[in-house]
C-alpha cells in the first residue's frame, strides 16, 4: 500500500513540476504596447513575437503583424519594416488598416532617400507605391499626403537627372548632357530643375554648333523664367538671325 502511495505522490509531484500557468496574451500585448509608448521598439517586438509563438491563432493576426512592422519602422530599419508591411497586405489586403500599411511601404522608400547624387530608385518606388495607394484606396484619407510625396519625388528625380547632365557638361560630353536634359524636360515638365535643364541644354547645343536647337531652348527659357531672360537674351544675340 505504501509503495502505491509513493508512486501516486511521485506522479503528482512530477506533474506539478512541469505545470505552467496559462499564457496571458492580453497582459503580454499590454506590455508590448507600453514598450511602444516608451519607444523601446526592440522590446515591444519581442513581446509581439512572443504572442505569435505562444498563441498560434495569433500568428497572422492583423494587429500583431502591423505592430511588428511599426517596431522596425520606429528603429529606422526601413528595409525590414517594408517587408513586414508587405506581409500584412498579403494576408489582409482589405483590412481597415491596409491603406496605412500601403502608405508606410511608400514611406519606407522615402526614408531611404539620401542625397541628390545617389541612386534615385527609392524615389521611383515612392511614386509607384503612392500611386498604388491612390488607386487601391481612393478614400483612405492619405490622398493629400500621397500627392505631396509624389510631387517631392518627381522633383528629386528631376534634380538627379540635372546633376548627371551637369556632370556630363563639365567633362565636355555634350551629347550625353543633352540626352539627360531632354529626358528631364520631357518626363518632368514644370519641375524645380526645368530652368537649369533648359539652360544647360542650350549651352550644350551651342557647344555642338546646333544653333536652331539652342535658340529654341533659350527662347523657352526667356519666356518661362523671367529671372533668366537677361541671360537667355544675351546668348540669343550671339546667334545669327535665322
Protein backbone atom coordinates (compact mmCIF):
# COMPACT_ATOMS: atom_id res chain seq x y z
CA UNK A 1 0.00 0.00 0.00
CA UNK A 2 2.82 2.37 0.94
CA UNK A 3 4.54 1.60 -2.35
CA UNK A 4 1.42 2.52 -4.31
CA UNK A 5 1.04 5.79 -2.37
CA UNK A 6 4.65 6.70 -3.10
CA UNK A 7 4.11 6.09 -6.81
CA UNK A 8 0.99 8.29 -6.83
CA UNK A 9 2.80 11.03 -4.90
CA UNK A 10 5.74 10.91 -7.33
CA UNK A 11 3.43 11.26 -10.32
CA UNK A 12 1.63 14.23 -8.73
CA UNK A 13 4.90 15.97 -7.87
CA UNK A 14 6.21 15.41 -11.39
CA UNK A 15 3.03 16.94 -12.78
CA UNK A 16 3.36 19.95 -10.53
CA UNK A 17 6.98 20.43 -11.56
CA UNK A 18 6.02 20.64 -15.23
CA UNK A 19 2.93 22.77 -14.66
CA UNK A 20 2.96 26.27 -16.23
CA UNK A 21 0.37 28.93 -15.56
CA UNK A 22 -1.91 29.68 -18.53
CA UNK A 23 -0.36 32.11 -21.02
CA UNK A 24 -1.85 35.60 -20.72
CA UNK A 25 -2.00 37.08 -24.23
CA UNK A 26 -3.72 40.25 -23.10
CA UNK A 27 -1.06 41.01 -20.48
CA UNK A 28 1.75 40.40 -22.95
CA UNK A 29 0.09 42.63 -25.53
CA UNK A 30 -0.31 45.41 -22.95
CA UNK A 31 3.37 45.10 -22.06
CA UNK A 32 4.22 45.38 -25.76
CA UNK A 33 2.06 48.48 -26.13
CA UNK A 34 3.71 50.04 -23.09
CA UNK A 35 7.13 49.42 -24.63
CA UNK A 36 5.94 51.04 -27.86
CA UNK A 37 4.88 54.16 -25.94
CA UNK A 38 8.37 54.29 -24.43
CA UNK A 39 9.87 53.87 -27.93
CA UNK A 40 11.51 50.63 -26.82
CA UNK A 41 10.83 49.10 -30.22
CA UNK A 42 13.05 46.06 -29.86
CA UNK A 43 11.47 45.19 -26.51
CA UNK A 44 7.99 45.68 -27.91
CA UNK A 45 8.78 43.45 -30.89
CA UNK A 46 9.88 40.64 -28.58
CA UNK A 47 6.52 40.78 -26.81
CA UNK A 48 4.57 40.77 -30.09
CA UNK A 49 6.64 37.88 -31.42
CA UNK A 50 6.11 36.03 -28.15
CA UNK A 51 2.37 36.28 -28.71
CA UNK A 52 2.82 34.81 -32.19
CA UNK A 53 4.94 31.96 -30.85
CA UNK A 54 2.77 31.12 -27.84
CA UNK A 55 -0.59 31.70 -29.49
CA UNK A 56 -0.58 30.09 -32.94
CA UNK A 57 -4.02 31.55 -33.64
CA UNK A 58 -2.38 34.99 -33.41
CA UNK A 59 0.42 34.21 -35.88
CA UNK A 60 -1.24 36.18 -38.67
CA UNK A 61 -3.35 38.47 -36.53
CA UNK A 62 -3.61 41.79 -38.36
CA UNK A 63 -2.82 43.99 -35.37
CA UNK A 64 0.20 41.95 -34.28
CA UNK A 65 1.65 41.90 -37.81
CA UNK A 66 1.19 45.64 -38.16
CA UNK A 67 2.73 46.35 -34.77
CA UNK A 68 5.82 44.30 -35.63
CA UNK A 69 6.21 46.30 -38.84
CA UNK A 70 5.87 49.51 -36.82
CA UNK A 71 8.66 48.46 -34.45
CA UNK A 72 11.08 48.14 -37.36
CA UNK A 73 9.95 51.49 -38.74
CA UNK A 74 10.44 53.09 -35.34
CA UNK A 75 14.01 51.75 -35.26
CA UNK A 76 14.61 53.18 -38.75
CA UNK A 77 15.13 49.66 -40.12
CA UNK A 78 13.20 50.54 -43.22
CA UNK A 79 14.06 47.50 -45.34
CA UNK A 80 12.79 45.16 -42.63
CA UNK A 81 9.73 47.31 -42.00
CA UNK A 82 8.86 47.32 -45.71
CA UNK A 83 8.89 43.51 -45.80
CA UNK A 84 6.60 43.32 -42.76
CA UNK A 85 4.12 45.88 -44.11
CA UNK A 86 4.00 43.96 -47.38
CA UNK A 87 3.40 40.72 -45.47
CA UNK A 88 0.50 42.42 -43.71
CA UNK A 89 -1.03 43.43 -47.06
CA UNK A 90 -0.52 39.93 -48.46
CA UNK A 91 -2.65 38.48 -45.66
CA UNK A 92 -5.01 41.40 -45.06
CA UNK A 93 -5.48 43.31 -48.36
CA UNK A 94 -8.93 44.66 -47.43
CA UNK A 95 -8.32 45.29 -43.74
CA UNK A 96 -9.25 48.74 -42.43
CA UNK A 97 -5.53 49.40 -41.83
CA UNK A 98 -4.46 48.29 -45.32
CA UNK A 99 -4.21 51.92 -46.56
CA UNK A 100 -1.89 52.70 -43.64
CA UNK A 101 0.33 49.73 -44.49
CA UNK A 102 0.46 50.79 -48.14
CA UNK A 103 1.33 54.36 -47.10
CA UNK A 104 4.08 53.05 -44.83
CA UNK A 105 5.57 50.99 -47.66
CA UNK A 106 5.93 54.20 -49.64
CA UNK A 107 7.39 56.00 -46.63
CA UNK A 108 9.95 53.23 -46.05
CA UNK A 109 11.25 54.00 -49.53
CA UNK A 110 11.10 57.75 -48.92
CA UNK A 111 13.17 57.44 -45.73
CA UNK A 112 15.90 55.73 -47.74
CA UNK A 113 16.46 58.78 -49.95
CA UNK A 114 19.84 60.24 -49.07
CA UNK A 115 21.40 62.91 -51.28
CA UNK A 116 20.65 64.09 -54.79
CA UNK A 117 23.78 62.45 -56.23
CA UNK A 118 22.68 58.96 -55.15
CA UNK A 119 20.62 56.34 -56.98
CA UNK A 120 17.03 57.66 -57.28
CA UNK A 121 15.49 54.17 -57.21
CA UNK A 122 13.77 54.82 -53.84
CA UNK A 123 12.19 57.98 -55.29
CA UNK A 124 10.75 55.96 -58.17
CA UNK A 125 9.46 53.43 -55.63
CA UNK A 126 7.76 56.18 -53.59
CA UNK A 127 5.92 57.42 -56.67
CA UNK A 128 4.89 53.87 -57.60
CA UNK A 129 3.66 52.98 -54.11
CA UNK A 130 1.86 56.27 -53.52
CA UNK A 131 0.08 55.89 -56.86
CA UNK A 132 -0.92 52.39 -55.79
CA UNK A 133 -2.31 53.87 -52.58
CA UNK A 134 -4.40 56.38 -54.54
CA UNK A 135 -5.66 53.72 -56.94
CA UNK A 136 -6.43 50.91 -54.47
CA UNK A 137 -7.64 53.03 -51.56
CA UNK A 138 -9.13 56.19 -53.10
CA UNK A 139 -10.85 57.41 -49.92
CA UNK A 140 -8.15 56.46 -47.45
CA UNK A 141 -7.51 59.91 -46.02
CA UNK A 142 -3.95 59.85 -47.34
CA UNK A 143 -4.75 61.49 -50.68
CA UNK A 144 -3.15 64.87 -49.99
CA UNK A 145 -0.01 63.39 -48.47
CA UNK A 146 0.35 60.89 -51.29
CA UNK A 147 0.15 63.63 -53.93
CA UNK A 148 2.60 65.76 -51.97
CA UNK A 149 5.20 62.99 -51.79
CA UNK A 150 4.72 62.15 -55.46
CA UNK A 151 5.50 65.80 -56.31
CA UNK A 152 8.52 65.83 -53.99
CA UNK A 153 9.94 62.67 -55.54
CA UNK A 154 9.32 63.84 -59.10
CA UNK A 155 11.39 66.91 -58.26
CA UNK A 156 14.01 64.68 -56.64
CA UNK A 157 14.38 62.57 -59.77
CA UNK A 158 14.47 65.68 -61.97
CA UNK A 159 17.24 67.15 -59.79
CA UNK A 160 19.15 63.88 -60.08
CA UNK A 161 18.85 63.98 -63.89
CA UNK A 162 20.11 67.58 -63.81
CA UNK A 163 23.03 66.56 -61.58
CA UNK A 164 24.07 63.92 -64.11
CA UNK A 165 23.55 66.30 -67.05
CA UNK A 166 25.73 68.92 -65.38
CA UNK A 167 28.43 66.32 -64.77
CA UNK A 168 28.44 65.40 -68.47
CA UNK A 169 28.56 69.07 -69.43
CA UNK A 170 31.60 69.66 -67.21
CA UNK A 171 33.53 66.82 -68.89
CA UNK A 172 32.56 68.08 -72.38
CA UNK A 173 30.23 65.14 -73.05
CA UNK A 174 27.67 67.44 -74.61
CA UNK A 175 25.54 64.82 -76.37
CA UNK A 176 25.14 62.93 -73.11
CA UNK A 177 24.29 66.18 -71.30
CA UNK A 178 21.64 66.96 -73.91
CA UNK A 179 20.18 63.48 -73.58
CA UNK A 180 19.74 63.90 -69.83
CA UNK A 181 18.32 67.41 -70.14
CA UNK A 182 15.85 66.42 -72.83
CA UNK A 183 14.68 63.43 -70.79
CA UNK A 184 14.19 65.69 -67.78
CA UNK A 185 12.23 68.23 -69.82
CA UNK A 186 10.03 65.56 -71.34
CA UNK A 187 9.37 63.45 -68.23
CA UNK A 188 9.25 66.15 -65.54
CA UNK A 189 7.83 69.36 -67.03
CA UNK A 190 7.45 72.16 -64.53
CA UNK A 191 9.89 70.60 -62.08
CA UNK A 192 12.27 72.63 -59.96
CA UNK A 193 15.10 71.53 -62.29
CA UNK A 194 13.41 72.61 -65.53
CA UNK A 195 15.00 76.08 -65.64
CA UNK A 196 18.56 74.76 -65.34
CA UNK A 197 17.83 71.90 -67.73
CA UNK A 198 16.81 74.41 -70.42
CA UNK A 199 19.95 76.44 -69.75
CA UNK A 200 22.41 73.53 -69.91
CA UNK A 201 20.66 72.03 -72.91
CA UNK A 202 21.05 75.36 -74.71
CA UNK A 203 24.75 75.61 -73.77
CA UNK A 204 25.36 72.04 -74.89
CA UNK A 205 23.65 72.63 -78.23
CA UNK A 206 25.78 75.75 -78.68
CA UNK A 207 28.93 73.74 -78.00
CA UNK A 208 27.88 71.32 -80.73
CA UNK A 209 27.02 74.26 -83.03
CA UNK A 210 23.38 73.13 -83.20
CA UNK A 211 22.10 76.70 -83.21
CA UNK A 212 18.46 76.02 -84.03
CA UNK A 213 18.05 73.72 -81.04
CA UNK A 214 19.94 76.17 -78.84
CA UNK A 215 17.65 79.01 -79.94
CA UNK A 216 14.52 77.00 -79.12
CA UNK A 217 15.77 76.27 -75.60
CA UNK A 218 16.84 79.85 -74.95
CA UNK A 219 13.55 81.29 -76.17
CA UNK A 220 11.64 78.87 -73.95
CA UNK A 221 13.91 79.77 -71.03
CA UNK A 222 13.30 83.51 -71.50
CA UNK A 223 9.56 83.02 -71.84
CA UNK A 224 9.00 80.70 -68.88
CA UNK A 225 11.55 82.12 -66.44
CA UNK A 226 11.70 85.94 -66.40
CA UNK A 227 14.65 85.90 -63.98
CA UNK A 228 16.71 84.15 -66.67
CA UNK A 229 15.51 86.38 -69.52
CA UNK A 230 18.63 88.59 -69.48
CA UNK A 231 20.96 85.61 -69.69
CA UNK A 232 18.90 83.97 -72.42
CA UNK A 233 18.66 87.18 -74.49
CA UNK A 234 22.42 87.77 -74.20
CA UNK A 235 23.11 84.31 -75.59
CA UNK A 236 20.47 84.72 -78.31
CA UNK A 237 22.18 87.90 -79.54
CA UNK A 238 25.31 85.90 -80.22
CA UNK A 239 23.40 83.65 -82.59
CA UNK A 240 22.98 84.56 -86.26
CA UNK A 241 19.49 85.61 -87.25
CA UNK A 242 17.67 82.62 -88.77
